[in-house]
C-alpha atoms as a PDB file:
ATOM      1  CA  MET A   1      33.249 -15.665  17.192  1.00  0.00           C
ATOM      2  CA  ALA A   2      33.143 -13.812  20.758  1.00  0.00           C
ATOM      3  CA  ALA A   3      29.677 -13.726  22.197  1.00  0.00           C
ATOM      4  CA  ILE A   4      28.252 -10.268  22.930  1.00  0.00           C
ATOM      5  CA  ASP A   5      25.752  -9.246  26.035  1.00  0.00           C
ATOM      6  CA  VAL A   6      24.518  -6.394  26.446  1.00  0.00           C
ATOM      7  CA  ARG A   7      22.468  -5.335  29.213  1.00  0.00           C
ATOM      8  CA  PRO A   8      20.708  -1.868  30.082  1.00  0.00           C
ATOM      9  CA  ALA A   9      22.234  -0.442  33.143  1.00  0.00           C
ATOM     10  CA  GLY A  10      20.068   2.499  33.989  1.00  0.00           C
ATOM     11  CA  GLU A  11      19.326   6.123  30.865  1.00  0.00           C
ATOM     12  CA  ASP A  12      18.482   9.378  32.108  1.00  0.00           C
ATOM     13  CA  ASP A  13      17.899  12.730  30.547  1.00  0.00           C
ATOM     14  CA  SER A  14      20.707  12.727  28.096  1.00  0.00           C
ATOM     15  CA  SER A  15      21.927   9.165  27.680  1.00  0.00           C
ATOM     16  CA  PHE A  16      21.940   5.384  28.182  1.00  0.00           C
ATOM     17  CA  SER A  17      24.250   3.460  30.051  1.00  0.00           C
ATOM     18  CA  PHE A  18      25.139  -0.130  29.676  1.00  0.00           C
ATOM     19  CA  ARG A  19      27.197  -3.387  31.157  1.00  0.00           C
ATOM     20  CA  VAL A  20      28.488  -5.451  27.968  1.00  0.00           C
ATOM     21  CA  THR A  21      30.609  -8.605  28.461  1.00  0.00           C
ATOM     22  CA  VAL A  22      32.654  -9.889  25.730  1.00  0.00           C
ATOM     23  CA  ARG A  23      33.002 -13.754  25.884  1.00  0.00           C
ATOM     24  CA  ASP A  24      35.420 -15.802  24.171  1.00  0.00           C
ATOM     25  CA  GLY A  25      35.425 -19.802  23.295  1.00  0.00           C
ATOM     26  CA  ASP A  26      37.872 -19.942  25.669  1.00  0.00           C
ATOM     27  CA  GLU A  27      35.734 -18.508  28.397  1.00  0.00           C
ATOM     28  CA  SER A  28      38.100 -15.166  28.642  1.00  0.00           C
ATOM     29  CA  GLU A  29      35.901 -12.067  28.879  1.00  0.00           C
ATOM     30  CA  THR A  30      35.796  -8.498  29.205  1.00  0.00           C
ATOM     31  CA  HIS A  31      33.249  -6.502  30.678  1.00  0.00           C
ATOM     32  CA  HIS A  32      33.180  -1.914  30.074  1.00  0.00           C
ATOM     33  CA  ASP A  33      30.730   0.062  31.445  1.00  0.00           C
ATOM     34  CA  VAL A  34      29.046   2.521  28.470  1.00  0.00           C
ATOM     35  CA  THR A  35      27.020   5.294  27.641  1.00  0.00           C
ATOM     36  CA  LEU A  36      25.610   6.288  24.807  1.00  0.00           C
ATOM     37  CA  SER A  37      23.833   9.792  24.336  1.00  0.00           C
ATOM     38  CA  ARG A  38      20.650  10.634  22.852  1.00  0.00           C
ATOM     39  CA  THR A  39      21.974  12.341  20.648  1.00  0.00           C
ATOM     40  CA  HIS A  40      24.065   9.790  18.905  1.00  0.00           C
ATOM     41  CA  TRP A  41      20.982   6.852  19.267  1.00  0.00           C
ATOM     42  CA  LEU A  42      19.462   9.855  16.960  1.00  0.00           C
ATOM     43  CA  ARG A  43      22.185  10.056  14.672  1.00  0.00           C
ATOM     44  CA  LEU A  44      23.048   6.365  14.371  1.00  0.00           C
ATOM     45  CA  GLY A  45      20.133   4.064  15.660  1.00  0.00           C
ATOM     46  CA  ALA A  46      17.639   4.933  12.729  1.00  0.00           C
ATOM     47  CA  GLY A  47      18.882   1.129  11.439  1.00  0.00           C
ATOM     48  CA  TYR A  48      18.532  -0.215  14.987  1.00  0.00           C
ATOM     49  CA  ASP A  49      15.414  -1.193  17.066  1.00  0.00           C
ATOM     50  CA  THR A  50      16.824   0.072  20.373  1.00  0.00           C
ATOM     51  CA  PRO A  51      19.677   0.993  21.632  1.00  0.00           C
ATOM     52  CA  ALA A  52      21.496  -2.121  23.328  1.00  0.00           C
ATOM     53  CA  GLN A  53      20.939  -3.600  19.327  1.00  0.00           C
ATOM     54  CA  LEU A  54      22.817  -0.278  18.459  1.00  0.00           C
ATOM     55  CA  LEU A  55      25.258  -1.336  21.528  1.00  0.00           C
ATOM     56  CA  ARG A  56      26.286  -5.040  19.835  1.00  0.00           C
ATOM     57  CA  ALA A  57      26.439  -3.636  16.535  1.00  0.00           C
ATOM     58  CA  CYS A  58      29.601  -1.071  18.014  1.00  0.00           C
ATOM     59  CA  PHE A  59      31.271  -4.254  19.634  1.00  0.00           C
ATOM     60  CA  GLU A  60      30.614  -5.897  17.034  1.00  0.00           C
ATOM     61  CA  PHE A  61      32.440  -3.524  14.769  1.00  0.00           C
ATOM     62  CA  LEU A  62      35.330  -2.981  17.597  1.00  0.00           C
ATOM     63  CA  LEU A  63      35.928  -6.534  17.493  1.00  0.00           C
ATOM     64  CA  ALA A  64      36.722  -6.789  13.922  1.00  0.00           C
ATOM     65  CA  ARG A  65      39.272  -4.388  14.503  1.00  0.00           C
ATOM     66  CA  GLU A  66      40.620  -4.962  17.772  1.00  0.00           C
ATOM     67  CA  GLY A  67      41.174  -7.970  20.131  1.00  0.00           C
ATOM     68  CA  LYS A  68      38.376  -7.554  23.019  1.00  0.00           C
ATOM     69  CA  GLU A  69      40.829  -7.015  25.428  1.00  0.00           C
ATOM     70  CA  SER A  70      42.171  -3.973  24.019  1.00  0.00           C
ATOM     71  CA  ILE A  71      38.870  -2.329  24.265  1.00  0.00           C
ATOM     72  CA  LEU A  72      38.314   0.485  26.771  1.00  0.00           C
ATOM     73  CA  GLY A  73      36.762  -0.704  29.394  1.00  0.00           C
ATOM     74  CA  SER A  74      34.636   2.338  30.329  1.00  0.00           C
ATOM     75  CA  PHE A  75      33.572   4.822  27.015  1.00  0.00           C
ATOM     76  CA  ASP A  76      31.828   6.716  25.559  1.00  0.00           C
ATOM     77  CA  VAL A  77      29.717   5.692  22.035  1.00  0.00           C
ATOM     78  CA  SER A  78      31.294   8.934  20.558  1.00  0.00           C
ATOM     79  CA  VAL A  79      34.808   7.859  21.429  1.00  0.00           C
ATOM     80  CA  ILE A  80      35.024   5.196  19.016  1.00  0.00           C
ATOM     81  CA  GLY A  81      35.332   7.698  15.707  1.00  0.00           C
ATOM     82  CA  ARG A  82      38.055   8.787  17.198  1.00  0.00           C
ATOM     83  CA  TYR A  83      40.213   6.018  16.493  1.00  0.00           C
ATOM     84  CA  PHE A  84      38.594   4.545  13.691  1.00  0.00           C
ATOM     85  CA  PRO A  85      37.040   7.358  11.588  1.00  0.00           C
ATOM     86  CA  GLU A  86      34.453   5.218   9.293  1.00  0.00           C
ATOM     87  CA  PHE A  87      32.883   4.628  12.293  1.00  0.00           C
ATOM     88  CA  GLU A  88      29.488   6.489  11.848  1.00  0.00           C
ATOM     89  CA  SER A  89      29.277   6.096   8.169  1.00  0.00           C
ATOM     90  CA  ARG A  90      28.992   2.146   8.928  1.00  0.00           C
ATOM     91  CA  ILE A  91      27.145   1.712  11.761  1.00  0.00           C
ATOM     92  CA  GLY A  92      24.855   3.618  10.819  1.00  0.00           C
ATOM     93  CA  ARG A  93      24.025   1.488   7.941  1.00  0.00           C
ATOM     94  CA  PRO A  94      22.987  -1.665  10.042  1.00  0.00           C
ATOM     95  CA  GLU A  95      23.453  -5.162   7.248  1.00  0.00           C
ATOM     96  CA  GLY A  96      20.139  -7.205   6.310  1.00  0.00           C
END
């Protein structure tokens, strides 16, 4: 399983920014600049303590469906649902 390192990169009145590193056991890694709008945080984040926890769950969701190299280098969480229609219903219900 890949290690996911989520680091806050800033925030403003409308969104949170993160720098995410995904590292495999072979030490290869990818880097991603991701934004999460406050609107999406309010809609999807009820089961998470922080925006960073929600973002980690987003990457777990993505990595269950594609390799780390296939994840966009820069994106907003809102685009995930365009590629995976089940995203919001799955991510809004964190597991145990």
